[in-house]
Amino acid sequence: MAFSRYRVRVRDSQMCSAEVVVAVPDSYADVVERLCGEFDGRVPLSTVTRVLRECRDEVSCSPGDPCPVGLESFARQRLLTASVTAPEQSG
């Protein structure tokens, strides 16, 4: 399972503060956001979400579960292939 890490400043009841690192499992939306940023201008959002959904279905994880390790890499490989084989748009 992949995790995102966040730095958070917390205070206890005596107003002492500390900075802690919190690890939160990556969600489907986190992975979509990263892949969209990575493939911006090469692969449309609809393709990124379709490919990630297909990959998620193939590894049999449910939509509400945190994304398993490897799902993002699996989808990235497919998107790389799609971005190379996609016909160029004339404009």
PDB file of N, CA and C in Angstrom:
ATOM      1  N   MET A   1       0.841  -1.162   0.000  1.00  0.00           N
ATOM      2  CA  MET A   1       0.000   0.000   0.000  1.00  0.00           C
ATOM      3  C   MET A   1       0.894   1.236   0.000  1.00  0.00           C
ATOM      4  N   ALA A   2       0.551   2.222  -0.815  1.00  0.00           N
ATOM      5  CA  ALA A   2       1.318   3.464  -0.886  1.00  0.00           C
ATOM      6  C   ALA A   2       0.773   4.457   0.143  1.00  0.00           C
ATOM      7  N   PHE A   3       1.667   5.298   0.650  1.00  0.00           N
ATOM      8  CA  PHE A   3       1.278   6.282   1.645  1.00  0.00           C
ATOM      9  C   PHE A   3       1.768   7.659   1.250  1.00  0.00           C
ATOM     10  N   SER A   4       0.987   8.671   1.597  1.00  0.00           N
ATOM     11  CA  SER A   4       1.424  10.056   1.503  1.00  0.00           C
ATOM     12  C   SER A   4       1.797  10.485   2.907  1.00  0.00           C
ATOM     13  N   ARG A   5       2.856  11.279   3.012  1.00  0.00           N
ATOM     14  CA  ARG A   5       3.295  11.733   4.321  1.00  0.00           C
ATOM     15  C   ARG A   5       3.068  13.233   4.441  1.00  0.00           C
ATOM     16  N   TYR A   6       2.535  13.635   5.568  1.00  0.00           N
ATOM     17  CA  TYR A   6       2.240  15.043   5.819  1.00  0.00           C
ATOM     18  C   TYR A   6       2.878  15.452   7.135  1.00  0.00           C
ATOM     19  N   ARG A   7       3.434  16.651   7.166  1.00  0.00           N
ATOM     20  CA  ARG A   7       3.953  17.205   8.413  1.00  0.00           C
ATOM     21  C   ARG A   7       2.836  18.014   9.055  1.00  0.00           C
ATOM     22  N   VAL A   8       2.607  17.739  10.331  1.00  0.00           N
ATOM     23  CA  VAL A   8       1.515  18.381  11.049  1.00  0.00           C
ATOM     24  C   VAL A   8       2.057  18.926  12.367  1.00  0.00           C
ATOM     25  N   ARG A   9       1.697  20.151  12.704  1.00  0.00           N
ATOM     26  CA  ARG A   9       2.067  20.723  13.991  1.00  0.00           C
ATOM     27  C   ARG A   9       0.905  20.500  14.947  1.00  0.00           C
ATOM     28  N   VAL A  10       1.210  19.891  16.095  1.00  0.00           N
ATOM     29  CA  VAL A  10       0.181  19.596  17.089  1.00  0.00           C
ATOM     30  C   VAL A  10       0.550  20.240  18.413  1.00  0.00           C
ATOM     31  N   ARG A  11      -0.478  20.491  19.229  1.00  0.00           N
ATOM     32  CA  ARG A  11      -0.268  21.051  20.573  1.00  0.00           C
ATOM     33  C   ARG A  11      -1.003  20.185  21.573  1.00  0.00           C
ATOM     34  N   ASP A  12      -0.372  19.974  22.714  1.00  0.00           N
ATOM     35  CA  ASP A  12      -1.053  19.207  23.750  1.00  0.00           C
ATOM     36  C   ASP A  12      -1.806  20.151  24.683  1.00  0.00           C
ATOM     37  N   SER A  13      -2.373  19.616  25.743  1.00  0.00           N
ATOM     38  CA  SER A  13      -3.193  20.423  26.654  1.00  0.00           C
ATOM     39  C   SER A  13      -2.387  21.491  27.381  1.00  0.00           C
ATOM     40  N   GLN A  14      -1.077  21.346  27.449  1.00  0.00           N
ATOM     41  CA  GLN A  14      -0.227  22.338  28.108  1.00  0.00           C
ATOM     42  C   GLN A  14       0.381  23.310  27.093  1.00  0.00           C
ATOM     43  N   MET A  15      -0.163  23.307  25.892  1.00  0.00           N
ATOM     44  CA  MET A  15       0.251  24.207  24.812  1.00  0.00           C
ATOM     45  C   MET A  15       1.689  23.978  24.337  1.00  0.00           C
ATOM     46  N   CYS A  16       2.212  22.785  24.594  1.00  0.00           N
ATOM     47  CA  CYS A  16       3.515  22.418  24.038  1.00  0.00           C
ATOM     48  C   CYS A  16       3.255  21.960  22.615  1.00  0.00           C
ATOM     49  N   SER A  17       4.073  22.411  21.693  1.00  0.00           N
ATOM     50  CA  SER A  17       3.829  22.016  20.305  1.00  0.00           C
ATOM     51  C   SER A  17       4.957  21.131  19.803  1.00  0.00           C
ATOM     52  N   ALA A  18       4.609  20.334  18.842  1.00  0.00           N
ATOM     53  CA  ALA A  18       5.575  19.437  18.211  1.00  0.00           C
ATOM     54  C   ALA A  18       5.149  19.221  16.774  1.00  0.00           C
ATOM     55  N   GLU A  19       6.118  18.894  15.948  1.00  0.00           N
ATOM     56  CA  GLU A  19       5.809  18.580  14.569  1.00  0.00           C
ATOM     57  C   GLU A  19       5.923  17.073  14.404  1.00  0.00           C
ATOM     58  N   VAL A  20       4.886  16.475  13.838  1.00  0.00           N
ATOM     59  CA  VAL A  20       4.887  15.033  13.620  1.00  0.00           C
ATOM     60  C   VAL A  20       4.628  14.751  12.145  1.00  0.00           C
ATOM     61  N   VAL A  21       5.031  13.595  11.707  1.00  0.00           N
ATOM     62  CA  VAL A  21       4.771  13.165  10.339  1.00  0.00           C
ATOM     63  C   VAL A  21       3.671  12.124  10.391  1.00  0.00           C
ATOM     64  N   VAL A  22       2.631  12.362   9.624  1.00  0.00           N
ATOM     65  CA  VAL A  22       1.490  11.458   9.586  1.00  0.00           C
ATOM     66  C   VAL A  22       1.482  10.765   8.226  1.00  0.00           C
ATOM     67  N   ALA A  23       1.379   9.455   8.217  1.00  0.00           N
ATOM     68  CA  ALA A  23       1.302   8.693   6.970  1.00  0.00           C
ATOM     69  C   ALA A  23      -0.147   8.307   6.734  1.00  0.00           C
ATOM     70  N   VAL A  24      -0.657   8.683   5.576  1.00  0.00           N
ATOM     71  CA  VAL A  24      -2.048   8.418   5.218  1.00  0.00           C
ATOM     72  C   VAL A  24      -2.050   7.575   3.942  1.00  0.00           C
ATOM     73  N   PRO A  25      -2.821   6.474   3.921  1.00  0.00           N
ATOM     74  CA  PRO A  25      -2.859   5.668   2.694  1.00  0.00           C
ATOM     75  C   PRO A  25      -3.345   6.501   1.507  1.00  0.00           C
ATOM     76  N   ASP A  26      -2.679   6.332   0.369  1.00  0.00           N
ATOM     77  CA  ASP A  26      -3.080   7.046  -0.841  1.00  0.00           C
ATOM     78  C   ASP A  26      -4.456   6.582  -1.287  1.00  0.00           C
ATOM     79  N   SER A  27      -5.252   7.517  -1.694  1.00  0.00           N
ATOM     80  CA  SER A  27      -6.573   7.190  -2.217  1.00  0.00           C
ATOM     81  C   SER A  27      -6.501   7.113  -3.736  1.00  0.00           C
ATOM     82  N   TYR A  28      -7.571   6.646  -4.306  1.00  0.00           N
ATOM     83  CA  TYR A  28      -7.706   6.588  -5.761  1.00  0.00           C
ATOM     84  C   TYR A  28      -7.531   7.988  -6.350  1.00  0.00           C
ATOM     85  N   ALA A  29      -8.138   8.994  -5.691  1.00  0.00           N
ATOM     86  CA  ALA A  29      -8.048  10.380  -6.168  1.00  0.00           C
ATOM     87  C   ALA A  29      -6.609  10.898  -6.151  1.00  0.00           C
ATOM     88  N   ASP A  30      -5.821  10.505  -5.130  1.00  0.00           N
ATOM     89  CA  ASP A  30      -4.412  10.915  -5.060  1.00  0.00           C
ATOM     90  C   ASP A  30      -3.645  10.392  -6.269  1.00  0.00           C
ATOM     91  N   VAL A  31      -3.901   9.136  -6.615  1.00  0.00           N
ATOM     92  CA  VAL A  31      -3.201   8.518  -7.741  1.00  0.00           C
ATOM     93  C   VAL A  31      -3.630   9.173  -9.053  1.00  0.00           C
ATOM     94  N   VAL A  32      -4.932   9.419  -9.226  1.00  0.00           N
ATOM     95  CA  VAL A  32      -5.418  10.097 -10.434  1.00  0.00           C
ATOM     96  C   VAL A  32      -4.747  11.460 -10.567  1.00  0.00           C
ATOM     97  N   GLU A  33      -4.679  12.198  -9.470  1.00  0.00           N
ATOM     98  CA  GLU A  33      -4.078  13.542  -9.496  1.00  0.00           C
ATOM     99  C   GLU A  33      -2.608  13.494  -9.913  1.00  0.00           C
ATOM    100  N   ARG A  34      -1.860  12.565  -9.342  1.00  0.00           N
ATOM    101  CA  ARG A  34      -0.433  12.457  -9.698  1.00  0.00           C
ATOM    102  C   ARG A  34      -0.255  12.068 -11.165  1.00  0.00           C
ATOM    103  N   LEU A  35      -1.031  11.085 -11.628  1.00  0.00           N
ATOM    104  CA  LEU A  35      -0.890  10.640 -13.009  1.00  0.00           C
ATOM    105  C   LEU A  35      -1.336  11.722 -13.997  1.00  0.00           C
ATOM    106  N   CYS A  36      -2.387  12.455 -13.658  1.00  0.00           N
ATOM    107  CA  CYS A  36      -2.827  13.555 -14.531  1.00  0.00           C
ATOM    108  C   CYS A  36      -1.738  14.612 -14.646  1.00  0.00           C
ATOM    109  N   GLY A  37      -1.085  14.919 -13.544  1.00  0.00           N
ATOM    110  CA  GLY A  37       0.015  15.878 -13.575  1.00  0.00           C
ATOM    111  C   GLY A  37       1.176  15.375 -14.409  1.00  0.00           C
ATOM    112  N   GLU A  38       1.462  14.104 -14.288  1.00  0.00           N
ATOM    113  CA  GLU A  38       2.579  13.508 -15.013  1.00  0.00           C
ATOM    114  C   GLU A  38       2.315  13.431 -16.519  1.00  0.00           C
ATOM    115  N   PHE A  39       1.068  13.177 -16.906  1.00  0.00           N
ATOM    116  CA  PHE A  39       0.733  13.004 -18.317  1.00  0.00           C
ATOM    117  C   PHE A  39      -0.024  14.192 -18.897  1.00  0.00           C
ATOM    118  N   ASP A  40       0.032  15.326 -18.212  1.00  0.00           N
ATOM    119  CA  ASP A  40      -0.664  16.535 -18.661  1.00  0.00           C
ATOM    120  C   ASP A  40      -0.251  16.904 -20.083  1.00  0.00           C
ATOM    121  N   GLY A  41      -1.231  17.096 -20.936  1.00  0.00           N
ATOM    122  CA  GLY A  41      -0.968  17.464 -22.327  1.00  0.00           C
ATOM    123  C   GLY A  41      -0.724  16.283 -23.251  1.00  0.00           C
ATOM    124  N   ARG A  42      -0.525  15.102 -22.681  1.00  0.00           N
ATOM    125  CA  ARG A  42      -0.293  13.906 -23.503  1.00  0.00           C
ATOM    126  C   ARG A  42      -1.451  12.931 -23.465  1.00  0.00           C
ATOM    127  N   VAL A  43      -2.102  12.828 -22.304  1.00  0.00           N
ATOM    128  CA  VAL A  43      -3.204  11.888 -22.129  1.00  0.00           C
ATOM    129  C   VAL A  43      -4.331  12.634 -21.415  1.00  0.00           C
ATOM    130  N   PRO A  44      -5.562  12.618 -21.950  1.00  0.00           N
ATOM    131  CA  PRO A  44      -6.663  13.334 -21.307  1.00  0.00           C
ATOM    132  C   PRO A  44      -7.080  12.682 -19.977  1.00  0.00           C
ATOM    133  N   LEU A  45      -7.700  13.490 -19.124  1.00  0.00           N
ATOM    134  CA  LEU A  45      -8.179  13.019 -17.821  1.00  0.00           C
ATOM    135  C   LEU A  45      -9.061  11.785 -17.958  1.00  0.00           C
ATOM    136  N   SER A  46      -9.937  11.771 -18.950  1.00  0.00           N
ATOM    137  CA  SER A  46     -10.844  10.627 -19.119  1.00  0.00           C
ATOM    138  C   SER A  46     -10.067   9.328 -19.364  1.00  0.00           C
ATOM    139  N   THR A  47      -8.966   9.419 -20.083  1.00  0.00           N
ATOM    140  CA  THR A  47      -8.141   8.229 -20.339  1.00  0.00           C
ATOM    141  C   THR A  47      -7.410   7.808 -19.077  1.00  0.00           C
ATOM    142  N   VAL A  48      -6.885   8.774 -18.322  1.00  0.00           N
ATOM    143  CA  VAL A  48      -6.187   8.453 -17.067  1.00  0.00           C
ATOM    144  C   VAL A  48      -7.136   7.723 -16.121  1.00  0.00           C
ATOM    145  N   THR A  49      -8.346   8.249 -15.938  1.00  0.00           N
ATOM    146  CA  THR A  49      -9.287   7.602 -15.019  1.00  0.00           C
ATOM    147  C   THR A  49      -9.738   6.239 -15.534  1.00  0.00           C
ATOM    148  N   ARG A  50      -9.950   6.114 -16.845  1.00  0.00           N
ATOM    149  CA  ARG A  50     -10.361   4.820 -17.417  1.00  0.00           C
ATOM    150  C   ARG A  50      -9.268   3.775 -17.217  1.00  0.00           C
ATOM    151  N   VAL A  51      -8.021   4.136 -17.528  1.00  0.00           N
ATOM    152  CA  VAL A  51      -6.904   3.193 -17.396  1.00  0.00           C
ATOM    153  C   VAL A  51      -6.710   2.805 -15.929  1.00  0.00           C
ATOM    154  N   LEU A  52      -6.762   3.770 -15.022  1.00  0.00           N
ATOM    155  CA  LEU A  52      -6.581   3.455 -13.609  1.00  0.00           C
ATOM    156  C   LEU A  52      -7.708   2.556 -13.108  1.00  0.00           C
ATOM    157  N   ARG A  53      -8.941   2.821 -13.552  1.00  0.00           N
ATOM    158  CA  ARG A  53     -10.080   1.978 -13.162  1.00  0.00           C
ATOM    159  C   ARG A  53      -9.883   0.553 -13.672  1.00  0.00           C
ATOM    160  N   GLU A  54      -9.449   0.407 -14.924  1.00  0.00           N
ATOM    161  CA  GLU A  54      -9.217  -0.930 -15.486  1.00  0.00           C
ATOM    162  C   GLU A  54      -8.130  -1.661 -14.707  1.00  0.00           C
ATOM    163  N   CYS A  55      -7.052  -0.953 -14.375  1.00  0.00           N
ATOM    164  CA  CYS A  55      -5.964  -1.569 -13.619  1.00  0.00           C
ATOM    165  C   CYS A  55      -6.437  -1.973 -12.225  1.00  0.00           C
ATOM    166  N   ARG A  56      -7.219  -1.111 -11.587  1.00  0.00           N
ATOM    167  CA  ARG A  56      -7.754  -1.418 -10.256  1.00  0.00           C
ATOM    168  C   ARG A  56      -8.629  -2.662 -10.316  1.00  0.00           C
ATOM    169  N   ASP A  57      -9.454  -2.765 -11.363  1.00  0.00           N
ATOM    170  CA  ASP A  57     -10.314  -3.940 -11.510  1.00  0.00           C
ATOM    171  C   ASP A  57      -9.483  -5.209 -11.712  1.00  0.00           C
ATOM    172  N   GLU A  58      -8.392  -5.087 -12.455  1.00  0.00           N
ATOM    173  CA  GLU A  58      -7.543  -6.258 -12.717  1.00  0.00           C
ATOM    174  C   GLU A  58      -6.821  -6.748 -11.471  1.00  0.00           C
ATOM    175  N   VAL A  59      -6.495  -5.834 -10.556  1.00  0.00           N
ATOM    176  CA  VAL A  59      -5.844  -6.271  -9.314  1.00  0.00           C
ATOM    177  C   VAL A  59      -6.863  -6.527  -8.212  1.00  0.00           C
ATOM    178  N   SER A  60      -8.145  -6.435  -8.576  1.00  0.00           N
ATOM    179  CA  SER A  60      -9.263  -6.774  -7.689  1.00  0.00           C
ATOM    180  C   SER A  60      -9.276  -5.988  -6.382  1.00  0.00           C
ATOM    181  N   CYS A  61      -9.152  -4.680  -6.478  1.00  0.00           N
ATOM    182  CA  CYS A  61      -9.339  -3.885  -5.266  1.00  0.00           C
ATOM    183  C   CYS A  61     -10.604  -3.063  -5.431  1.00  0.00           C
ATOM    184  N   SER A  62     -11.320  -2.855  -4.329  1.00  0.00           N
ATOM    185  CA  SER A  62     -12.573  -2.115  -4.428  1.00  0.00           C
ATOM    186  C   SER A  62     -12.341  -0.609  -4.439  1.00  0.00           C
ATOM    187  N   PRO A  63     -13.299   0.129  -5.026  1.00  0.00           N
ATOM    188  CA  PRO A  63     -13.153   1.578  -5.166  1.00  0.00           C
ATOM    189  C   PRO A  63     -12.879   2.317  -3.868  1.00  0.00           C
ATOM    190  N   GLY A  64     -13.407   1.867  -2.727  1.00  0.00           N
ATOM    191  CA  GLY A  64     -13.196   2.575  -1.471  1.00  0.00           C
ATOM    192  C   GLY A  64     -11.888   2.252  -0.774  1.00  0.00           C
ATOM    193  N   ASP A  65     -11.228   1.182  -1.193  1.00  0.00           N
ATOM    194  CA  ASP A  65      -9.980   0.776  -0.540  1.00  0.00           C
ATOM    195  C   ASP A  65      -8.838   1.702  -0.918  1.00  0.00           C
ATOM    196  N   PRO A  66      -7.846   1.836  -0.018  1.00  0.00           N
ATOM    197  CA  PRO A  66      -6.631   2.545  -0.421  1.00  0.00           C
ATOM    198  C   PRO A  66      -5.987   1.794  -1.585  1.00  0.00           C
ATOM    199  N   CYS A  67      -5.291   2.504  -2.425  1.00  0.00           N
ATOM    200  CA  CYS A  67      -4.682   1.878  -3.600  1.00  0.00           C
ATOM    201  C   CYS A  67      -3.541   0.958  -3.187  1.00  0.00           C
ATOM    202  N   PRO A  68      -3.536  -0.267  -3.698  1.00  0.00           N
ATOM    203  CA  PRO A  68      -2.457  -1.187  -3.348  1.00  0.00           C
ATOM    204  C   PRO A  68      -1.147  -0.783  -4.011  1.00  0.00           C
ATOM    205  N   VAL A  69      -0.062  -1.248  -3.417  1.00  0.00           N
ATOM    206  CA  VAL A  69       1.257  -0.997  -3.984  1.00  0.00           C
ATOM    207  C   VAL A  69       1.286  -1.564  -5.393  1.00  0.00           C
ATOM    208  N   GLY A  70       1.829  -0.840  -6.306  1.00  0.00           N
ATOM    209  CA  GLY A  70       1.958  -1.317  -7.669  1.00  0.00           C
ATOM    210  C   GLY A  70       0.867  -0.842  -8.607  1.00  0.00           C
ATOM    211  N   LEU A  71      -0.290  -0.441  -8.074  1.00  0.00           N
ATOM    212  CA  LEU A  71      -1.383  -0.006  -8.948  1.00  0.00           C
ATOM    213  C   LEU A  71      -0.979   1.224  -9.759  1.00  0.00           C
ATOM    214  N   GLU A  72      -0.339   2.189  -9.105  1.00  0.00           N
ATOM    215  CA  GLU A  72       0.076   3.401  -9.799  1.00  0.00           C
ATOM    216  C   GLU A  72       1.106   3.078 -10.886  1.00  0.00           C
ATOM    217  N   SER A  73       2.058   2.215 -10.583  1.00  0.00           N
ATOM    218  CA  SER A  73       3.069   1.823 -11.576  1.00  0.00           C
ATOM    219  C   SER A  73       2.441   1.070 -12.739  1.00  0.00           C
ATOM    220  N   PHE A  74       1.503   0.202 -12.433  1.00  0.00           N
ATOM    221  CA  PHE A  74       0.786  -0.571 -13.444  1.00  0.00           C
ATOM    222  C   PHE A  74       0.067   0.380 -14.404  1.00  0.00           C
ATOM    223  N   ALA A  75      -0.657   1.348 -13.835  1.00  0.00           N
ATOM    224  CA  ALA A  75      -1.384   2.319 -14.654  1.00  0.00           C
ATOM    225  C   ALA A  75      -0.406   3.212 -15.428  1.00  0.00           C
ATOM    226  N   ARG A  76       0.697   3.609 -14.801  1.00  0.00           N
ATOM    227  CA  ARG A  76       1.697   4.459 -15.468  1.00  0.00           C
ATOM    228  C   ARG A  76       2.244   3.774 -16.722  1.00  0.00           C
ATOM    229  N   GLN A  77       2.534   2.477 -16.622  1.00  0.00           N
ATOM    230  CA  GLN A  77       3.041   1.734 -17.788  1.00  0.00           C
ATOM    231  C   GLN A  77       2.045   1.764 -18.931  1.00  0.00           C
ATOM    232  N   ARG A  78       0.780   1.543 -18.611  1.00  0.00           N
ATOM    233  CA  ARG A  78      -0.261   1.570 -19.652  1.00  0.00           C
ATOM    234  C   ARG A  78      -0.412   2.964 -20.242  1.00  0.00           C
ATOM    235  N   LEU A  79      -0.326   3.986 -19.399  1.00  0.00           N
ATOM    236  CA  LEU A  79      -0.461   5.357 -19.892  1.00  0.00           C
ATOM    237  C   LEU A  79       0.740   5.749 -20.756  1.00  0.00           C
ATOM    238  N   LEU A  80       1.918   5.272 -20.398  1.00  0.00           N
ATOM    239  CA  LEU A  80       3.102   5.529 -21.236  1.00  0.00           C
ATOM    240  C   LEU A  80       2.894   4.935 -22.619  1.00  0.00           C
ATOM    241  N   THR A  81       2.394   3.723 -22.662  1.00  0.00           N
ATOM    242  CA  THR A  81       2.108   3.073 -23.937  1.00  0.00           C
ATOM    243  C   THR A  81       1.049   3.853 -24.706  1.00  0.00           C
ATOM    244  N   ALA A  82      -0.007   4.272 -24.003  1.00  0.00           N
ATOM    245  CA  ALA A  82      -1.087   5.028 -24.656  1.00  0.00           C
ATOM    246  C   ALA A  82      -0.588   6.365 -25.183  1.00  0.00           C
ATOM    247  N   SER A  83       0.304   7.019 -24.448  1.00  0.00           N
ATOM    248  CA  SER A  83       0.781   8.331 -24.882  1.00  0.00           C
ATOM    249  C   SER A  83       1.720   8.222 -26.081  1.00  0.00           C
ATOM    250  N   VAL A  84       2.399   7.102 -26.202  1.00  0.00           N
ATOM    251  CA  VAL A  84       3.304   6.895 -27.347  1.00  0.00           C
ATOM    252  C   VAL A  84       2.537   6.474 -28.581  1.00  0.00           C
ATOM    253  N   THR A  85       1.493   5.645 -28.395  1.00  0.00           N
ATOM    254  CA  THR A  85       0.760   5.113 -29.541  1.00  0.00           C
ATOM    255  C   THR A  85      -0.418   5.979 -29.970  1.00  0.00           C
ATOM    256  N   ALA A  86      -0.769   6.983 -29.151  1.00  0.00           N
ATOM    257  CA  ALA A  86      -1.915   7.853 -29.494  1.00  0.00           C
ATOM    258  C   ALA A  86      -1.585   8.676 -30.730  1.00  0.00           C
ATOM    259  N   PRO A  87      -2.550   8.798 -31.661  1.00  0.00           N
ATOM    260  CA  PRO A  87      -2.305   9.613 -32.856  1.00  0.00           C
ATOM    261  C   PRO A  87      -2.159  11.086 -32.459  1.00  0.00           C
ATOM    262  N   GLU A  88      -1.274  11.765 -33.141  1.00  0.00           N
ATOM    263  CA  GLU A  88      -1.058  13.179 -32.854  1.00  0.00           C
ATOM    264  C   GLU A  88      -2.283  13.978 -33.265  1.00  0.00           C
ATOM    265  N   GLN A  89      -2.632  14.945 -32.426  1.00  0.00           N
ATOM    266  CA  GLN A  89      -3.771  15.793 -32.734  1.00  0.00           C
ATOM    267  C   GLN A  89      -3.291  16.973 -33.546  1.00  0.00           C
ATOM    268  N   SER A  90      -3.992  17.257 -34.632  1.00  0.00           N
ATOM    269  CA  SER A  90      -3.622  18.425 -35.417  1.00  0.00           C
ATOM    270  C   SER A  90      -4.449  19.594 -34.931  1.00  0.00           C
ATOM    271  N   GLY A  91      -3.877  20.765 -34.946  1.00  0.00           N
ATOM    272  CA  GLY A  91      -4.647  21.841 -34.395  1.00  0.00           C
ATOM    273  C   GLY A  91      -4.108  23.089 -34.851  1.00  0.00           C
TER     274      GLY A  91
END
